[in-house]
N, C-alpha and C. Protein backbone atom coordinates (compact mmCIF):
# COMPACT_ATOMS: atom_id res chain seq x y z
N UNK A 1 48.44 30.87 20.14
CA UNK A 1 47.74 31.23 21.29
C UNK A 1 46.15 30.61 20.79
N UNK A 2 45.51 29.81 21.79
CA UNK A 2 44.21 29.25 21.53
C UNK A 2 43.20 30.29 22.13
N UNK A 3 42.61 30.89 21.32
CA UNK A 3 41.68 32.09 21.52
C UNK A 3 40.48 31.45 22.15
N UNK A 4 40.00 30.29 21.79
CA UNK A 4 38.74 29.42 22.40
C UNK A 4 39.14 29.21 23.56
N UNK A 5 40.26 28.63 23.99
CA UNK A 5 40.41 28.31 25.46
C UNK A 5 40.52 29.53 26.39
N UNK A 6 41.09 30.68 25.64
CA UNK A 6 41.09 31.71 26.79
C UNK A 6 39.70 32.41 26.61
N UNK A 7 38.97 32.49 25.78
CA UNK A 7 37.49 32.87 25.79
C UNK A 7 36.84 32.22 26.43
N UNK A 8 37.02 30.79 26.57
CA UNK A 8 36.27 29.99 27.45
C UNK A 8 36.47 30.20 28.90
N UNK A 9 37.75 30.53 29.25
CA UNK A 9 38.11 30.71 30.62
C UNK A 9 37.44 32.00 31.09
N UNK A 10 37.83 33.10 30.21
CA UNK A 10 37.07 34.43 30.39
C UNK A 10 35.84 34.53 30.78
N UNK A 11 34.80 33.64 29.80
CA UNK A 11 33.51 33.25 30.06
C UNK A 11 33.16 32.54 31.23
N UNK A 12 33.86 31.59 31.58
CA UNK A 12 33.75 31.07 32.74
C UNK A 12 33.97 31.93 34.08
N UNK A 13 35.08 32.66 34.01
CA UNK A 13 35.66 33.43 35.22
C UNK A 13 34.17 34.48 35.17
N UNK A 14 33.86 35.02 34.41
CA UNK A 14 32.67 36.16 34.45
C UNK A 14 31.47 35.39 34.98
N UNK A 15 30.96 34.25 34.68
CA UNK A 15 30.02 33.56 35.09
C UNK A 15 29.92 33.26 36.66
N UNK A 16 31.07 32.76 37.11
CA UNK A 16 31.53 32.38 38.60
C UNK A 16 31.62 33.78 39.17
N UNK A 17 31.95 34.83 38.59
CA UNK A 17 31.84 36.08 39.34
C UNK A 17 30.30 36.56 39.57
N UNK A 18 29.72 36.44 38.52
CA UNK A 18 28.32 36.95 38.58
C UNK A 18 27.48 35.93 39.51
N UNK A 19 27.79 34.72 39.70
CA UNK A 19 27.07 33.63 40.56
C UNK A 19 27.62 33.94 42.13
N UNK A 20 28.83 34.45 42.43
CA UNK A 20 29.20 34.85 43.26
C UNK A 20 28.37 35.93 44.03
N UNK A 21 28.39 36.88 43.07
CA UNK A 21 27.82 38.17 43.48
C UNK A 21 26.23 37.92 43.81
N UNK A 22 25.46 37.12 43.19
CA UNK A 22 24.27 36.58 43.35
C UNK A 22 24.23 36.00 44.99
N UNK A 23 25.34 35.49 45.45
CA UNK A 23 25.26 34.66 46.68
C UNK A 23 25.45 35.78 47.85
N UNK A 24 26.12 36.76 47.49
CA UNK A 24 26.07 37.85 48.55
C UNK A 24 25.62 39.21 48.39
N UNK A 25 24.77 39.48 47.29
CA UNK A 25 24.50 40.84 47.06
C UNK A 25 23.24 41.20 48.06
N UNK A 26 22.75 40.37 48.71
CA UNK A 26 21.89 40.89 49.76
C UNK A 26 22.79 41.56 50.90
N UNK A 27 23.80 40.64 51.22
CA UNK A 27 24.76 41.33 52.32
C UNK A 27 25.36 42.60 52.17
N UNK A 28 25.77 42.45 50.61
CA UNK A 28 26.34 43.72 50.09
C UNK A 28 25.74 45.19 50.42
N UNK A 29 24.55 44.90 50.39
CA UNK A 29 23.51 46.21 50.33
C UNK A 29 23.25 46.61 51.77
N UNK A 30 23.67 45.73 52.62
CA UNK A 30 23.52 46.04 53.90
C UNK A 30 24.39 47.29 54.61
N UNK A 31 24.01 48.14 55.49
CA UNK A 31 24.87 49.08 55.93
C UNK A 31 25.96 48.71 56.60
N UNK A 32 25.57 47.69 57.49
CA UNK A 32 26.62 47.17 58.53
C UNK A 32 27.97 46.60 57.70
N UNK A 33 27.70 45.75 56.47
CA UNK A 33 28.75 45.51 55.47
C UNK A 33 29.27 46.72 54.94
N UNK A 34 28.68 47.69 54.40
CA UNK A 34 29.16 48.76 53.79
C UNK A 34 30.21 49.65 54.62
N UNK A 35 29.93 49.54 55.93
CA UNK A 35 30.53 50.27 56.83
C UNK A 35 32.06 49.75 57.05
N UNK A 36 32.25 48.49 56.55
CA UNK A 36 33.56 47.75 56.38
C UNK A 36 34.52 48.47 55.70
N UNK A 37 34.01 49.42 54.68
CA UNK A 37 34.89 49.91 53.67
C UNK A 37 35.54 51.23 54.25
N UNK A 38 34.92 51.75 55.37
CA UNK A 38 35.58 52.85 56.18
C UNK A 38 36.93 52.29 56.95
N UNK A 39 36.97 51.25 57.28
CA UNK A 39 38.26 50.34 57.74
C UNK A 39 39.33 49.99 56.99
N UNK A 40 40.59 50.50 57.43
CA UNK A 40 41.72 49.98 56.74
C UNK A 40 42.13 48.64 57.26
N UNK A 41 42.35 47.58 56.66
CA UNK A 41 42.45 46.22 57.01
C UNK A 41 44.11 46.05 57.30
N UNK A 42 44.51 45.63 56.18
CA UNK A 42 45.90 45.36 55.79
C UNK A 42 46.65 46.21 54.65
N UNK A 43 47.50 47.12 55.15
CA UNK A 43 48.23 48.22 54.63
C UNK A 43 47.07 49.09 54.04
N UNK A 44 46.90 49.03 52.90
CA UNK A 44 45.93 50.08 52.00
C UNK A 44 44.53 49.36 51.66
N UNK A 45 44.40 48.18 52.05
CA UNK A 45 43.31 47.35 51.83
C UNK A 45 42.13 47.72 52.90
N UNK A 46 40.99 47.89 52.22
CA UNK A 46 39.78 48.21 53.34
C UNK A 46 39.36 46.61 53.83
N UNK A 47 38.79 46.65 55.01
CA UNK A 47 38.29 45.75 55.54
C UNK A 47 37.21 44.95 54.51
N UNK A 48 36.41 45.51 53.84
CA UNK A 48 35.36 45.25 52.89
C UNK A 48 36.04 44.59 51.66
N UNK A 49 37.05 45.42 51.05
CA UNK A 49 37.85 44.80 49.95
C UNK A 49 38.25 43.15 50.30
N UNK A 50 39.03 43.23 51.84
CA UNK A 50 39.75 41.99 52.33
C UNK A 50 38.75 40.90 52.14
N UNK A 51 37.23 41.31 52.52
CA UNK A 51 36.43 40.10 52.99
C UNK A 51 35.83 39.97 51.57
N UNK A 52 35.71 40.62 50.69
CA UNK A 52 35.23 40.24 49.27
C UNK A 52 36.18 39.30 48.50
N UNK A 53 37.51 39.56 48.65
CA UNK A 53 38.55 38.64 48.07
C UNK A 53 38.41 37.26 48.59
N UNK A 54 38.14 37.32 50.10
CA UNK A 54 38.12 35.97 50.80
C UNK A 54 36.97 35.39 50.53
N UNK A 55 35.91 35.98 50.45
CA UNK A 55 34.35 35.30 49.88
C UNK A 55 34.64 34.95 48.54
N UNK A 56 35.24 35.56 47.74
CA UNK A 56 35.18 35.19 46.34
C UNK A 56 36.08 33.79 45.98
N UNK A 57 37.45 33.83 46.72
CA UNK A 57 38.25 32.78 46.51
C UNK A 57 37.88 31.55 47.36
N UNK A 58 37.21 31.70 48.40
CA UNK A 58 36.49 30.67 49.24
C UNK A 58 35.25 30.10 48.46
N UNK A 59 34.51 30.91 47.85
CA UNK A 59 33.31 30.59 46.83
C UNK A 59 33.85 29.63 46.09
N UNK A 60 35.17 29.89 45.16
CA UNK A 60 35.55 29.10 43.85
C UNK A 60 36.25 28.03 44.34
N UNK A 61 36.60 27.81 45.53
CA UNK A 61 37.39 26.67 46.17
C UNK A 61 36.57 25.73 46.54
N UNK A 62 35.41 26.20 47.22
CA UNK A 62 34.53 25.25 47.56
C UNK A 62 33.46 24.82 46.28
N UNK A 63 33.34 25.66 45.54
CA UNK A 63 32.44 25.18 44.41
C UNK A 63 33.39 24.00 43.57
N UNK A 64 34.46 24.43 43.34
CA UNK A 64 35.53 23.17 42.68
C UNK A 64 35.38 21.94 43.30
N UNK A 65 35.35 22.02 44.83
CA UNK A 65 35.32 20.65 45.45
C UNK A 65 34.00 20.22 46.00
N UNK A 66 32.88 20.82 45.31
CA UNK A 66 31.59 20.39 45.55
C UNK A 66 30.96 20.51 47.24
N UNK A 67 31.66 21.68 47.60
CA UNK A 67 31.13 22.00 49.10
C UNK A 67 30.06 23.19 49.08
N UNK A 68 29.60 23.43 50.21
CA UNK A 68 28.59 24.66 50.22
C UNK A 68 29.12 25.90 50.01
N UNK A 69 29.17 26.27 48.66
CA UNK A 69 30.05 27.44 48.16
C UNK A 69 29.07 28.73 48.48
N UNK A 70 27.84 28.66 49.05
CA UNK A 70 27.05 29.89 49.30
C UNK A 70 27.46 30.12 50.69
N UNK A 71 27.34 29.02 51.55
CA UNK A 71 27.81 29.39 52.71
C UNK A 71 29.10 29.92 52.85
N UNK A 72 30.02 29.44 52.34
CA UNK A 72 31.51 29.85 52.02
C UNK A 72 31.68 31.36 51.62
N UNK A 73 30.90 31.74 50.57
CA UNK A 73 30.86 32.93 50.26
C UNK A 73 30.24 33.93 51.21
N UNK A 74 28.79 33.62 51.86
CA UNK A 74 28.53 34.73 52.71
C UNK A 74 29.46 34.63 54.04
N UNK A 75 29.80 33.56 54.43
CA UNK A 75 30.56 33.43 55.93
C UNK A 75 31.85 34.32 55.47
N UNK A 76 32.40 33.87 54.39
CA UNK A 76 33.75 34.55 53.99
C UNK A 76 33.46 36.23 53.90
N UNK A 77 32.29 36.59 53.60
CA UNK A 77 32.35 38.17 53.49
C UNK A 77 32.17 38.73 54.65
N UNK A 78 31.22 38.01 55.68
CA UNK A 78 30.94 38.63 57.17
C UNK A 78 32.17 38.05 58.11
N UNK A 79 33.06 37.50 57.70
CA UNK A 79 34.15 37.07 58.73
C UNK A 79 34.89 37.99 59.62
N UNK A 80 34.78 39.43 58.99
CA UNK A 80 35.67 40.32 59.61
C UNK A 80 34.66 41.28 59.52
N UNK A 81 33.46 41.14 60.24
CA UNK A 81 32.34 42.40 60.45
C UNK A 81 32.64 42.78 61.95
N UNK A 82 33.83 43.24 62.32
CA UNK A 82 34.05 43.48 63.87
C UNK A 82 33.84 45.18 63.62
N UNK A 83 33.80 45.72 62.60
CA UNK A 83 33.54 47.14 62.66
C UNK A 83 34.12 48.18 63.51
N UNK A 84 35.26 48.04 63.82
CA UNK A 84 36.14 49.20 64.44
C UNK A 84 37.60 49.13 63.64
N UNK A 85 38.58 50.04 63.91
CA UNK A 85 39.84 50.05 63.52
C UNK A 85 40.46 49.35 64.70
N UNK A 86 41.11 48.31 64.25
CA UNK A 86 41.93 47.43 65.23
C UNK A 86 43.19 48.17 65.68
N UNK A 87 43.77 49.00 64.90
CA UNK A 87 44.88 49.64 65.28
C UNK A 87 44.72 50.62 66.23
N UNK A 88 43.63 51.26 66.33
CA UNK A 88 43.72 52.16 67.51
C UNK A 88 42.58 51.91 68.69
N UNK A 89 41.65 50.75 68.59
CA UNK A 89 40.66 50.49 69.50
C UNK A 89 41.21 49.30 70.11
N UNK A 90 41.41 49.53 71.33
CA UNK A 90 41.69 48.34 72.31
C UNK A 90 40.38 47.87 73.00
N UNK A 91 40.21 46.60 73.14
CA UNK A 91 39.11 45.87 73.53
C UNK A 91 39.24 45.42 74.95
N UNK A 92 38.43 45.60 75.76
CA UNK A 92 38.42 44.86 77.05
C UNK A 92 38.56 43.49 76.98
N UNK A 93 38.00 42.83 75.91
CA UNK A 93 37.81 41.46 75.73
C UNK A 93 39.14 40.70 75.42
N UNK A 94 40.06 41.61 75.03
CA UNK A 94 41.49 41.12 74.78
C UNK A 94 42.03 41.50 73.48
N UNK A 95 43.18 40.83 73.07
CA UNK A 95 43.92 41.11 71.75
C UNK A 95 42.95 41.18 70.52
N UNK A 96 42.94 41.79 69.49
CA UNK A 96 42.00 41.93 68.31
C UNK A 96 41.96 40.47 67.77
N UNK A 97 43.23 39.93 67.76
CA UNK A 97 43.49 38.78 67.01
C UNK A 97 42.78 37.46 67.52
N UNK A 98 42.57 37.52 68.77
CA UNK A 98 41.84 36.49 69.65
C UNK A 98 40.39 36.88 69.92
N UNK A 99 39.78 37.99 69.64
CA UNK A 99 38.43 38.15 70.14
C UNK A 99 37.68 38.68 68.65
N UNK A 100 38.26 39.14 67.58
CA UNK A 100 37.47 39.83 66.76
C UNK A 100 36.39 38.94 65.89
N UNK A 101 36.75 37.45 66.04
CA UNK A 101 35.81 36.64 65.17
C UNK A 101 34.73 36.53 66.17
N UNK A 102 34.81 36.45 67.48
CA UNK A 102 33.41 36.40 68.20
C UNK A 102 32.65 37.82 67.88
N UNK A 103 33.33 38.95 67.90
CA UNK A 103 32.77 40.16 67.97
C UNK A 103 32.14 40.08 66.49
N UNK A 104 32.67 39.55 65.13
CA UNK A 104 32.12 39.68 63.85
C UNK A 104 30.92 38.94 63.99
N UNK A 105 30.93 37.65 64.61
CA UNK A 105 29.77 36.83 64.87
C UNK A 105 28.79 37.45 65.34
N UNK A 106 28.84 38.06 66.32
CA UNK A 106 27.90 38.67 67.17
C UNK A 106 27.18 39.97 66.28
N UNK A 107 27.98 40.75 65.51
CA UNK A 107 27.62 41.50 64.77
C UNK A 107 26.67 41.05 63.60
N UNK A 108 27.40 39.93 62.99
CA UNK A 108 26.56 39.39 62.10
C UNK A 108 25.23 38.99 62.38
N UNK A 109 25.29 38.18 63.40
CA UNK A 109 23.81 37.64 63.80
C UNK A 109 22.72 38.71 64.38
N UNK A 110 23.36 39.91 64.48
CA UNK A 110 22.43 40.77 64.92
C UNK A 110 21.71 41.53 63.55
N UNK A 111 22.29 41.39 62.31
CA UNK A 111 21.84 41.90 61.06
C UNK A 111 21.31 40.68 60.21
N UNK A 112 21.87 39.34 60.50
CA UNK A 112 21.54 38.37 59.31
C UNK A 112 21.12 37.17 60.01
N UNK A 113 20.40 36.38 59.28
CA UNK A 113 19.94 35.10 59.61
C UNK A 113 21.13 34.19 59.02
N UNK A 114 21.97 33.41 59.83
CA UNK A 114 22.80 32.67 59.55
C UNK A 114 22.78 31.24 59.76
N UNK A 115 23.24 30.26 58.70
CA UNK A 115 23.09 28.78 58.95
C UNK A 115 24.23 28.33 59.84
N UNK A 116 24.34 27.21 60.43
CA UNK A 116 25.40 26.72 61.16
C UNK A 116 26.87 26.67 60.56
N UNK A 117 26.84 26.54 59.17
CA UNK A 117 28.16 26.41 58.57
C UNK A 117 28.62 27.98 58.53
N UNK A 118 27.88 28.97 58.42
CA UNK A 118 28.35 30.68 58.24
C UNK A 118 28.69 30.97 59.32
N UNK A 119 28.14 30.48 60.53
CA UNK A 119 28.28 31.01 62.20
C UNK A 119 29.81 30.23 62.08
N UNK A 120 30.27 29.00 61.97
CA UNK A 120 31.23 28.40 62.34
C UNK A 120 32.53 28.95 61.51
N UNK A 121 32.08 29.55 60.19
CA UNK A 121 33.19 30.18 59.35
C UNK A 121 33.63 31.30 60.09
N UNK A 122 32.70 32.11 60.47
CA UNK A 122 33.00 33.31 61.11
C UNK A 122 33.53 33.21 62.42
N UNK A 123 33.25 32.49 63.21
CA UNK A 123 33.80 32.18 64.45
C UNK A 123 35.27 31.52 64.55
N UNK A 124 35.43 30.63 63.39
CA UNK A 124 36.77 29.84 63.41
C UNK A 124 37.71 30.60 62.33
N UNK A 125 37.42 31.60 61.68
CA UNK A 125 38.40 32.05 60.64
C UNK A 125 39.88 32.20 61.06
N UNK A 126 39.88 32.43 62.49
CA UNK A 126 41.25 32.56 62.79
C UNK A 126 42.17 31.29 63.31
N UNK A 127 41.66 30.12 63.14
CA UNK A 127 42.18 28.88 63.36
C UNK A 127 43.41 28.76 62.57
N UNK A 128 44.65 28.54 62.94
CA UNK A 128 45.00 27.77 64.43
C UNK A 128 45.20 28.88 65.44
N UNK A 129 45.33 30.26 65.08
CA UNK A 129 45.44 30.98 66.00
C UNK A 129 44.35 31.01 67.14
N UNK A 130 43.20 30.95 67.09
CA UNK A 130 42.43 30.46 68.06
C UNK A 130 42.12 28.93 67.96
N UNK A 131 42.23 28.55 69.40
CA UNK A 131 42.37 26.88 69.44
C UNK A 131 41.03 26.09 69.08
N UNK A 132 39.98 26.38 68.95
CA UNK A 132 38.96 25.67 68.45
C UNK A 132 38.94 25.46 67.19
N UNK A 133 38.85 24.26 66.82
CA UNK A 133 38.89 23.73 65.35
C UNK A 133 37.43 23.93 64.70
N UNK A 134 37.57 24.22 63.26
CA UNK A 134 36.68 24.39 62.50
C UNK A 134 35.84 22.96 62.51
N UNK A 135 34.39 22.96 62.36
CA UNK A 135 33.45 21.93 62.28
C UNK A 135 33.42 21.63 60.67
N UNK A 136 33.59 22.35 59.91
CA UNK A 136 33.03 22.21 58.55
C UNK A 136 34.35 22.54 57.65
N UNK A 137 34.31 21.60 56.45
CA UNK A 137 35.47 22.06 55.36
C UNK A 137 35.55 23.30 55.06
N UNK A 138 34.14 23.96 55.01
CA UNK A 138 34.07 25.37 54.03
C UNK A 138 34.64 26.31 55.07
N UNK A 139 34.69 25.79 56.48
CA UNK A 139 35.32 26.96 57.56
C UNK A 139 36.86 26.69 57.17
N UNK A 140 37.57 25.84 56.91
CA UNK A 140 38.76 25.46 56.98
C UNK A 140 39.34 26.16 55.52
N UNK A 141 38.19 26.13 54.53
CA UNK A 141 38.57 26.78 53.19
C UNK A 141 38.86 28.33 53.43
N UNK A 142 37.77 28.89 54.27
CA UNK A 142 37.98 30.38 54.59
C UNK A 142 38.84 30.68 55.22
N UNK A 143 39.40 30.00 56.27
CA UNK A 143 40.46 30.12 57.00
C UNK A 143 41.81 30.38 56.25
N UNK A 144 41.66 29.44 55.42
CA UNK A 144 43.22 29.37 54.63
C UNK A 144 43.08 30.50 53.57
N UNK A 145 41.88 30.79 52.97
CA UNK A 145 41.84 31.90 51.93
C UNK A 145 42.13 33.30 52.71
N UNK A 146 41.62 33.20 53.84
CA UNK A 146 41.74 34.62 54.65
C UNK A 146 43.48 34.68 54.85
N UNK A 147 44.23 33.74 55.02
CA UNK A 147 45.58 33.93 55.43
C UNK A 147 46.00 34.11 54.02
N UNK A 148 45.74 33.37 53.06
CA UNK A 148 46.44 33.82 51.64
C UNK A 148 46.01 35.14 51.03
N UNK A 149 45.00 35.86 51.45
CA UNK A 149 44.62 37.02 50.97
C UNK A 149 45.40 38.11 51.88
N UNK A 150 45.42 37.89 53.17
CA UNK A 150 46.19 38.50 54.18
C UNK A 150 47.67 38.78 53.80
N UNK A 151 48.24 37.67 53.42
CA UNK A 151 49.70 37.56 52.96
C UNK A 151 49.66 38.57 51.46
N UNK A 152 48.76 38.36 50.87
CA UNK A 152 48.97 39.14 49.42
C UNK A 152 48.77 40.66 49.59
N UNK A 153 47.95 40.86 50.49
CA UNK A 153 47.77 42.30 50.95
C UNK A 153 48.87 43.02 51.64
N UNK A 154 49.62 42.24 52.38
CA UNK A 154 50.42 42.63 52.93
C UNK A 154 52.02 42.77 52.29
N UNK A 155 52.03 41.73 51.43
CA UNK A 155 53.32 41.75 50.47
C UNK A 155 53.09 41.90 49.21
């Protein structure tokens, strides 16, 4: 075993985690974001835990490819800020899968200043279920990481 390599990876992973937390710490302190922990999302995973995973993996992928990893981390954390139990709450606007991104964006804009990438990430994270295509690569990354995390959480 190459302990130097293993230690280097652990150190790198720890610094990535700390940097990611710095990107989203302001958001994590907000009551609206904390409320996501009250809602079960996929099986036993809370909405907040799901969003934190999506945020972290999106941050790492975007950082690796030289994209706007801060916007990916922030948008990833807020992408499901819909704040209701989608299993029991029926919306007049339509089925949850088709409307929750717009609801999450409305909620996020009510509490936070978002840049154009962050808005697009939240609004387009359900692509291709919703037809409007993301404008930014970071939005594609978050959309893919959202599906990956949902798959892992379900199975």
